[in-house]
Amino acid sequence: MPLSSDDQLKGKVAIVTGASRGIGKAIALGFAAQGAKVAVAARSENQVRADLPGTIHETVETIQAQNSQGLAVPCDVTDEASVQNMVSRVIEAFGRIDVLVNNAGVAFGRSILETPLKRWDLVLRVNLTGAFLCSQAVLPHMIRQGSGSIINISSLAANDRDKGMVDTGVAYGVAKAGLDRLTWGLASEAGCHGVAVNALKPVKVVDSEGMRLWSSEEERQGWTSPARMVACALFLARQSSGSVSGVVATDDEYFAWHGLQLSPNPQPEGGRPHGS
């Protein structure tokens, strides 16, 4: 019997990194609304800027207000011990991990000559090494289950030869290009264990608090809602290596190829710069 529209992920456990705001928060709320138990992972335990709201605890409070289960887990995805602790806490609380969304990201929109080494390293560590560490930590659990889905939030910046729609800096594009390659490699290695690995790229800039903070109202014309990313993530979360895996595609492509539709009740938006 097919699942109803509000329990597509019933019984599943998901980890979403960078879920205190933006795309990550929207996906976390979307998963919870479809019956998943969601671990909200990020460094944002407290709001550090008045003009940039969002914490892991606020996201979990919203999940719980939906009568769903959420777990706030402080995590620095660039730190192996922090990642391992995060995964251990999720296993202790929920007993399994079915979905990992590698969404944590940071950009530095300056030219190469204006990019200090510490900024270059930070962008690569958060966007690429973080996804590697989180994937490496959850894979043993997924392999034991014989199932799982890893979703990497990538960007068209990986393909752009110039600044693209938003100047996120060359380091960001390099990291996202590496994330695409990581997606293919993980899909190849994990496929025999039933684990799907895919990447999702927004075609348009995703409207969020962070992007609004750094952009004018005129620049925001034509941006898209996080709801499209949520719909794609819900689809990818239900995949296995025998269905859809090893795909690096945009939200438009997933919608066209698989007949996806927007939820009639889109989740609240949040803010982190990923759509470039």
Protein backbone atom coordinates (compact mmCIF):
# COMPACT_ATOMS: atom_id res chain seq x y z
CA MET A 1 0.00 0.00 0.00
CA PRO A 2 1.51 3.38 -0.97
CA LEU A 3 2.29 5.89 1.76
CA SER A 4 -0.09 8.79 2.20
CA SER A 5 1.10 12.30 1.40
CA ASP A 6 1.90 13.05 5.04
CA ASP A 7 3.89 9.94 5.97
CA GLN A 8 6.31 9.42 3.09
CA LEU A 9 9.21 9.13 5.57
CA LYS A 10 7.36 7.46 8.43
CA GLY A 11 9.76 5.45 10.58
CA LYS A 12 12.84 7.03 8.97
CA VAL A 13 15.60 8.90 10.77
CA ALA A 14 17.30 11.81 9.03
CA ILE A 15 20.28 14.03 9.79
CA VAL A 16 20.31 17.47 8.18
CA THR A 17 23.47 19.55 8.59
CA GLY A 18 23.34 23.32 8.50
CA ALA A 19 19.68 23.11 9.54
CA SER A 20 19.43 26.13 11.82
CA ARG A 21 18.18 28.23 8.88
CA GLY A 22 17.85 28.35 5.11
CA ILE A 23 17.64 25.32 2.86
CA GLY A 24 18.68 23.02 5.70
CA LYS A 25 15.92 24.22 7.99
CA ALA A 26 13.32 23.97 5.23
CA ILE A 27 14.38 20.38 4.45
CA ALA A 28 14.40 19.42 8.13
CA LEU A 29 10.85 20.76 8.58
CA GLY A 30 9.74 19.08 5.35
CA PHE A 31 11.13 15.71 6.48
CA ALA A 32 9.47 16.04 9.89
CA ALA A 33 6.14 16.87 8.26
CA GLN A 34 6.41 13.59 6.34
CA GLY A 35 6.91 11.48 9.46
CA ALA A 36 10.70 11.41 9.85
CA LYS A 37 12.59 11.80 13.09
CA VAL A 38 15.04 14.59 12.32
CA ALA A 39 18.43 15.39 13.85
CA VAL A 40 19.13 19.09 13.35
CA ALA A 41 22.89 19.54 13.20
CA ALA A 42 24.79 22.83 13.08
CA ARG A 43 27.07 25.05 15.14
CA SER A 44 24.28 27.60 15.72
CA GLU A 45 23.23 26.91 19.29
CA ASN A 46 22.69 30.61 19.95
CA GLN A 47 21.81 33.50 17.67
CA VAL A 48 24.95 35.56 17.22
CA ARG A 49 23.53 38.29 14.97
CA ALA A 50 20.21 40.08 15.39
CA ASP A 51 19.83 40.36 11.62
CA LEU A 52 20.55 36.66 10.96
CA PRO A 53 18.08 34.57 12.98
CA GLY A 54 18.08 30.81 13.42
CA THR A 55 19.41 28.17 15.81
CA ILE A 56 19.24 24.39 15.97
CA HIS A 57 16.99 24.67 19.00
CA GLU A 58 14.52 26.93 17.21
CA THR A 59 14.32 24.47 14.31
CA VAL A 60 13.62 21.60 16.71
CA GLU A 61 10.97 23.66 18.51
CA THR A 62 9.21 24.16 15.18
CA ILE A 63 9.47 20.43 14.44
CA GLN A 64 7.99 19.58 17.82
CA ALA A 65 5.19 22.08 17.24
CA GLN A 66 4.26 19.88 14.25
CA ASN A 67 3.92 16.94 16.68
CA SER A 68 7.06 15.44 15.16
CA GLN A 69 10.33 14.31 16.74
CA GLY A 70 13.47 16.40 16.47
CA LEU A 71 16.89 16.35 18.07
CA ALA A 72 19.17 19.40 18.28
CA VAL A 73 22.80 18.30 17.93
CA PRO A 74 25.60 20.88 18.04
CA CYS A 75 28.11 19.88 15.38
CA ASP A 76 31.12 21.33 13.60
CA VAL A 77 31.20 19.35 10.36
CA THR A 78 34.89 20.17 9.87
CA ASP A 79 35.82 18.39 13.12
CA GLU A 80 35.94 14.59 12.96
CA ALA A 81 35.33 14.11 16.70
CA SER A 82 32.34 16.47 16.58
CA VAL A 83 30.86 14.57 13.63
CA GLN A 84 31.37 11.19 15.29
CA ASN A 85 29.73 12.51 18.47
CA MET A 86 26.78 13.79 16.44
CA VAL A 87 26.24 10.41 14.80
CA SER A 88 26.57 8.60 18.13
CA ARG A 89 23.93 10.85 19.67
CA VAL A 90 21.53 10.19 16.81
CA ILE A 91 22.01 6.43 17.08
CA GLU A 92 21.52 6.60 20.85
CA ALA A 93 18.33 8.65 20.48
CA PHE A 94 16.73 6.99 17.44
CA GLY A 95 18.55 3.70 16.87
CA ARG A 96 19.27 4.12 13.15
CA ILE A 97 20.13 6.61 10.38
CA ASP A 98 18.27 6.41 7.07
CA VAL A 99 19.00 9.78 5.47
CA LEU A 100 21.89 12.24 5.57
CA VAL A 101 21.58 15.67 3.98
CA ASN A 102 24.98 17.32 3.61
CA ASN A 103 23.78 20.91 3.50
CA ALA A 104 26.22 22.84 5.73
CA GLY A 105 27.94 25.49 3.68
CA VAL A 106 29.81 28.76 3.70
CA ALA A 107 31.01 31.10 0.95
CA PHE A 108 33.57 33.87 0.59
CA GLY A 109 32.68 36.18 -2.28
CA ARG A 110 36.05 37.74 -3.02
CA SER A 111 38.53 37.40 -5.84
CA ILE A 112 41.33 34.85 -5.60
CA LEU A 113 43.84 37.64 -4.89
CA GLU A 114 41.65 38.84 -2.01
CA THR A 115 41.14 35.37 -0.51
CA PRO A 116 43.41 34.59 2.47
CA LEU A 117 44.50 30.97 2.84
CA LYS A 118 42.47 30.58 6.05
CA ARG A 119 39.28 31.57 4.16
CA TRP A 120 40.08 29.23 1.26
CA ASP A 121 40.67 26.39 3.73
CA LEU A 122 37.46 27.15 5.65
CA VAL A 123 35.26 27.13 2.54
CA LEU A 124 36.70 23.80 1.37
CA ARG A 125 36.53 22.24 4.83
CA VAL A 126 32.89 23.19 5.46
CA ASN A 127 31.49 22.48 1.99
CA LEU A 128 33.58 19.44 0.99
CA THR A 129 35.48 17.92 3.90
CA GLY A 130 32.37 18.24 6.07
CA ALA A 131 30.34 16.19 3.61
CA PHE A 132 33.14 13.60 3.49
CA LEU A 133 33.32 13.31 7.28
CA CYS A 134 29.54 13.09 7.76
CA SER A 135 29.16 10.53 4.98
CA GLN A 136 32.03 8.46 6.32
CA ALA A 137 30.46 8.49 9.80
CA VAL A 138 26.93 7.43 8.76
CA LEU A 139 27.82 4.89 6.08
CA PRO A 140 28.68 2.00 8.46
CA HIS A 141 25.19 2.28 9.97
CA MET A 142 23.51 2.43 6.56
CA ILE A 143 25.57 -0.52 5.34
CA ARG A 144 24.51 -2.61 8.33
CA GLN A 145 20.88 -1.76 7.54
CA GLY A 146 21.36 -2.47 3.86
CA SER A 147 19.71 0.83 2.97
CA GLY A 148 20.07 4.58 3.18
CA SER A 149 20.20 7.82 1.22
CA ILE A 150 22.86 10.53 1.22
CA ILE A 151 21.88 13.85 -0.36
CA ASN A 152 24.58 16.43 -1.11
CA ILE A 153 23.42 20.02 -1.58
CA SER A 154 25.60 21.29 -4.40
CA SER A 155 25.50 24.41 -6.55
CA LEU A 156 25.71 25.61 -10.13
CA ALA A 157 28.80 27.48 -8.92
CA ALA A 158 30.58 24.17 -9.60
CA ASN A 159 29.83 24.68 -13.30
CA ASP A 160 30.16 28.47 -13.63
CA ARG A 161 33.19 29.87 -15.38
CA ASP A 162 32.52 33.35 -13.99
CA LYS A 163 30.78 34.79 -10.93
CA GLY A 164 27.42 33.25 -11.84
CA MET A 165 24.19 34.72 -10.49
CA VAL A 166 25.75 35.43 -7.10
CA ASP A 167 29.46 35.98 -6.44
CA THR A 168 30.20 33.22 -3.94
CA GLY A 169 33.91 33.12 -4.74
CA VAL A 170 36.09 30.61 -6.56
CA ALA A 171 36.74 28.54 -3.41
CA TYR A 172 33.00 27.84 -3.10
CA GLY A 173 32.78 26.71 -6.73
CA VAL A 174 35.84 24.50 -6.32
CA ALA A 175 34.36 22.92 -3.18
CA LYS A 176 31.03 22.25 -4.87
CA ALA A 177 32.78 20.74 -7.91
CA GLY A 178 34.56 18.44 -5.48
CA LEU A 179 31.24 17.62 -3.84
CA ASP A 180 29.85 16.52 -7.20
CA ARG A 181 32.81 14.18 -7.67
CA LEU A 182 32.40 12.92 -4.11
CA THR A 183 28.77 12.12 -4.93
CA TRP A 184 29.76 9.89 -7.85
CA GLY A 185 32.48 8.16 -5.86
CA LEU A 186 30.26 7.51 -2.85
CA ALA A 187 27.45 6.23 -5.06
CA SER A 188 29.84 3.76 -6.70
CA GLU A 189 31.26 2.49 -3.40
CA ALA A 190 27.97 2.33 -1.47
CA GLY A 191 25.76 1.01 -4.26
CA CYS A 192 26.34 -2.67 -3.47
CA HIS A 193 25.00 -2.01 0.03
CA GLY A 194 21.71 -0.51 -1.11
CA VAL A 195 22.72 3.08 -0.28
CA ALA A 196 21.77 5.86 -2.69
CA VAL A 197 23.95 8.95 -3.05
CA ASN A 198 22.81 11.95 -5.08
CA ALA A 199 23.47 15.67 -5.40
CA LEU A 200 20.92 18.47 -5.73
CA LYS A 201 21.59 21.93 -7.18
CA PRO A 202 19.12 24.83 -7.20
CA VAL A 203 18.79 26.41 -10.63
CA LYS A 204 17.93 29.80 -9.15
CA VAL A 205 19.16 31.54 -6.03
CA VAL A 206 17.16 30.25 -3.07
CA ASP A 207 15.45 33.03 -1.13
CA SER A 208 16.59 32.91 2.50
CA GLU A 209 17.51 35.15 5.43
CA GLY A 210 21.20 35.02 4.66
CA MET A 211 20.83 35.87 0.99
CA ARG A 212 18.37 38.66 1.81
CA LEU A 213 20.88 40.08 4.25
CA TRP A 214 23.50 40.46 1.54
CA SER A 215 21.30 41.38 -1.42
CA SER A 216 19.02 44.23 -2.43
CA GLU A 217 15.32 43.82 -3.15
CA GLU A 218 16.05 44.37 -6.84
CA GLU A 219 18.61 41.56 -6.83
CA ARG A 220 16.04 39.22 -5.28
CA GLN A 221 13.74 39.37 -8.29
CA GLY A 222 13.44 35.91 -9.80
CA TRP A 223 14.77 34.01 -6.80
CA THR A 224 13.06 30.76 -5.87
CA SER A 225 11.47 29.35 -2.71
CA PRO A 226 13.16 26.60 -0.64
CA ALA A 227 9.99 24.55 -1.31
CA ARG A 228 11.45 23.23 -4.57
CA MET A 229 14.54 21.96 -2.77
CA VAL A 230 12.33 20.33 -0.13
CA ALA A 231 10.32 18.47 -2.78
CA CYS A 232 13.51 17.16 -4.40
CA ALA A 233 15.02 16.18 -1.05
CA LEU A 234 11.87 14.27 -0.10
CA PHE A 235 12.08 12.36 -3.38
CA LEU A 236 15.79 11.60 -3.00
CA ALA A 237 15.39 10.53 0.64
CA ARG A 238 13.22 7.62 -0.50
CA GLN A 239 15.69 6.30 -3.07
CA SER A 240 17.99 3.29 -2.96
CA SER A 241 20.98 2.32 -5.06
CA GLY A 242 18.58 0.29 -7.21
CA SER A 243 16.37 3.24 -8.07
CA VAL A 244 18.02 6.67 -8.32
CA SER A 245 21.68 7.00 -7.34
CA GLY A 246 24.85 8.64 -8.59
CA VAL A 247 22.87 11.57 -10.03
CA VAL A 248 24.10 15.17 -9.90
CA ALA A 249 21.20 17.32 -11.08
CA THR A 250 19.25 20.52 -10.58
CA ASP A 251 15.85 20.91 -8.99
CA ASP A 252 14.40 21.62 -12.45
CA GLU A 253 15.82 18.34 -13.75
CA TYR A 254 14.50 16.26 -10.85
CA PHE A 255 11.06 17.87 -11.30
CA ALA A 256 11.05 17.16 -15.04
CA TRP A 257 12.46 13.63 -14.88
CA HIS A 258 10.35 12.34 -12.00
CA GLY A 259 7.14 14.36 -12.18
CA LEU A 260 7.67 16.06 -8.83
CA GLN A 261 5.17 18.56 -7.47
CA LEU A 262 5.34 21.22 -4.79
CA SER A 263 3.72 20.45 -1.46
CA PRO A 264 0.44 22.30 -0.91
CA ASN A 265 1.82 23.34 2.49
CA PRO A 266 5.37 24.62 1.84
CA GLN A 267 7.63 24.81 4.85
CA PRO A 268 8.96 28.06 6.34
CA GLU A 269 12.01 29.52 4.72
CA GLY A 270 15.39 30.09 6.32
CA GLY A 271 18.71 31.57 5.33
CA ARG A 272 22.03 30.34 4.09
CA PRO A 273 23.65 31.13 0.73
CA HIS A 274 23.54 27.98 -1.41
CA GLY A 275 21.73 28.86 -4.62
CA SER A 276 24.32 30.24 -6.98
